[in-house]
């Protein structure tokens, strides 16, 4: 799941996929802005076949947080 998330992330920000870890923070470490985050979340929602709760997803600050959230949302 992390490798697929890296693919999605690198569509939005210029970062070496090998530097992305579960501890990487979207804004501080990867350089996302709020628009990029929302677009990336839409792609991730489709890719991982999950329904995102906008209020809950805003609590996800790291790649690992997001992967944990998706893991708990699987249909």
C-alpha atoms as a PDB file:
ATOM      1  CA  UNK A   1       0.000   0.000   0.000  1.00  0.00           C
ATOM      2  CA  UNK A   2       2.898   2.377   0.767  1.00  0.00           C
ATOM      3  CA  UNK A   3       4.374   1.942  -2.721  1.00  0.00           C
ATOM      4  CA  UNK A   4       1.047   2.816  -4.353  1.00  0.00           C
ATOM      5  CA  UNK A   5       0.698   5.825  -2.061  1.00  0.00           C
ATOM      6  CA  UNK A   6       4.178   6.977  -3.109  1.00  0.00           C
ATOM      7  CA  UNK A   7       3.064   6.819  -6.754  1.00  0.00           C
ATOM      8  CA  UNK A   8       0.038   8.979  -5.987  1.00  0.00           C
ATOM      9  CA  UNK A   9       2.045  11.465  -3.919  1.00  0.00           C
ATOM     10  CA  UNK A  10       4.647  11.981  -6.639  1.00  0.00           C
ATOM     11  CA  UNK A  11       1.898  12.974  -9.077  1.00  0.00           C
ATOM     12  CA  UNK A  12       1.344  16.094  -6.963  1.00  0.00           C
ATOM     13  CA  UNK A  13       4.708  17.085  -5.521  1.00  0.00           C
ATOM     14  CA  UNK A  14       8.263  16.808  -6.790  1.00  0.00           C
ATOM     15  CA  UNK A  15       9.885  14.516  -4.285  1.00  0.00           C
ATOM     16  CA  UNK A  16      12.013  11.382  -4.578  1.00  0.00           C
ATOM     17  CA  UNK A  17       9.705   8.423  -3.910  1.00  0.00           C
ATOM     18  CA  UNK A  18      12.502   6.725  -1.961  1.00  0.00           C
ATOM     19  CA  UNK A  19      12.480   9.615   0.513  1.00  0.00           C
ATOM     20  CA  UNK A  20       8.790   9.119   1.372  1.00  0.00           C
ATOM     21  CA  UNK A  21       8.257   7.173   4.585  1.00  0.00           C
ATOM     22  CA  UNK A  22       5.285   6.556   6.836  1.00  0.00           C
ATOM     23  CA  UNK A  23       6.616   9.381   9.035  1.00  0.00           C
ATOM     24  CA  UNK A  24       6.653  11.910   6.156  1.00  0.00           C
ATOM     25  CA  UNK A  25       4.359  14.854   6.887  1.00  0.00           C
ATOM     26  CA  UNK A  26       2.343  16.050   3.901  1.00  0.00           C
ATOM     27  CA  UNK A  27       2.826  19.790   4.339  1.00  0.00           C
ATOM     28  CA  UNK A  28       6.091  20.138   6.258  1.00  0.00           C
ATOM     29  CA  UNK A  29       8.110  17.344   4.623  1.00  0.00           C
ATOM     30  CA  UNK A  30       6.539  16.767   1.215  1.00  0.00           C
ATOM     31  CA  UNK A  31       5.500  20.322   0.346  1.00  0.00           C
ATOM     32  CA  UNK A  32       1.790  19.782  -0.216  1.00  0.00           C
ATOM     33  CA  UNK A  33      -0.628  22.714  -0.216  1.00  0.00           C
ATOM     34  CA  UNK A  34      -4.284  22.290   0.733  1.00  0.00           C
ATOM     35  CA  UNK A  35      -5.463  22.062  -2.886  1.00  0.00           C
ATOM     36  CA  UNK A  36      -2.906  19.342  -3.699  1.00  0.00           C
ATOM     37  CA  UNK A  37      -3.931  17.409  -0.601  1.00  0.00           C
ATOM     38  CA  UNK A  38      -7.608  17.420  -1.564  1.00  0.00           C
ATOM     39  CA  UNK A  39      -6.829  16.312  -5.137  1.00  0.00           C
ATOM     40  CA  UNK A  40      -4.454  13.614  -3.913  1.00  0.00           C
ATOM     41  CA  UNK A  41      -7.072  12.358  -1.457  1.00  0.00           C
ATOM     42  CA  UNK A  42      -9.585  12.008  -4.286  1.00  0.00           C
ATOM     43  CA  UNK A  43      -7.155   9.851  -6.239  1.00  0.00           C
ATOM     44  CA  UNK A  44      -6.297   7.806  -3.156  1.00  0.00           C
ATOM     45  CA  UNK A  45      -9.992   7.318  -2.353  1.00  0.00           C
ATOM     46  CA  UNK A  46     -10.515   5.785  -5.803  1.00  0.00           C
ATOM     47  CA  UNK A  47      -7.300   3.758  -5.764  1.00  0.00           C
ATOM     48  CA  UNK A  48      -7.866   2.204  -2.346  1.00  0.00           C
ATOM     49  CA  UNK A  49     -11.666   1.929  -2.716  1.00  0.00           C
ATOM     50  CA  UNK A  50     -12.484   3.789   0.497  1.00  0.00           C
ATOM     51  CA  UNK A  51     -14.926   6.519   1.454  1.00  0.00           C
ATOM     52  CA  UNK A  52     -13.227   9.490   3.059  1.00  0.00           C
ATOM     53  CA  UNK A  53     -14.852  11.372   5.913  1.00  0.00           C
ATOM     54  CA  UNK A  54     -13.561  14.920   5.433  1.00  0.00           C
ATOM     55  CA  UNK A  55     -13.582  15.716   9.136  1.00  0.00           C
ATOM     56  CA  UNK A  56     -11.676  12.559  10.077  1.00  0.00           C
ATOM     57  CA  UNK A  57      -9.192  12.751   7.194  1.00  0.00           C
ATOM     58  CA  UNK A  58      -8.015  16.192   8.323  1.00  0.00           C
ATOM     59  CA  UNK A  59      -6.506  14.495  11.388  1.00  0.00           C
ATOM     60  CA  UNK A  60      -4.063  12.629   9.117  1.00  0.00           C
ATOM     61  CA  UNK A  61      -0.796  14.539   9.117  1.00  0.00           C
ATOM     62  CA  UNK A  62       1.604  11.838   7.910  1.00  0.00           C
ATOM     63  CA  UNK A  63       1.636   9.237   5.176  1.00  0.00           C
ATOM     64  CA  UNK A  64       1.367   6.570   7.873  1.00  0.00           C
ATOM     65  CA  UNK A  65      -1.680   8.273   9.403  1.00  0.00           C
ATOM     66  CA  UNK A  66      -3.366   8.204   6.013  1.00  0.00           C
ATOM     67  CA  UNK A  67      -2.498   4.566   5.361  1.00  0.00           C
ATOM     68  CA  UNK A  68      -3.831   3.622   8.809  1.00  0.00           C
ATOM     69  CA  UNK A  69      -7.027   5.535   8.059  1.00  0.00           C
ATOM     70  CA  UNK A  70      -7.447   3.762   4.725  1.00  0.00           C
ATOM     71  CA  UNK A  71      -6.791   0.404   6.358  1.00  0.00           C
ATOM     72  CA  UNK A  72      -9.665   1.031   8.750  1.00  0.00           C
ATOM     73  CA  UNK A  73     -11.995   2.178   5.967  1.00  0.00           C
ATOM     74  CA  UNK A  74     -11.754  -0.779   3.610  1.00  0.00           C
ATOM     75  CA  UNK A  75     -15.162  -1.877   2.319  1.00  0.00           C
END
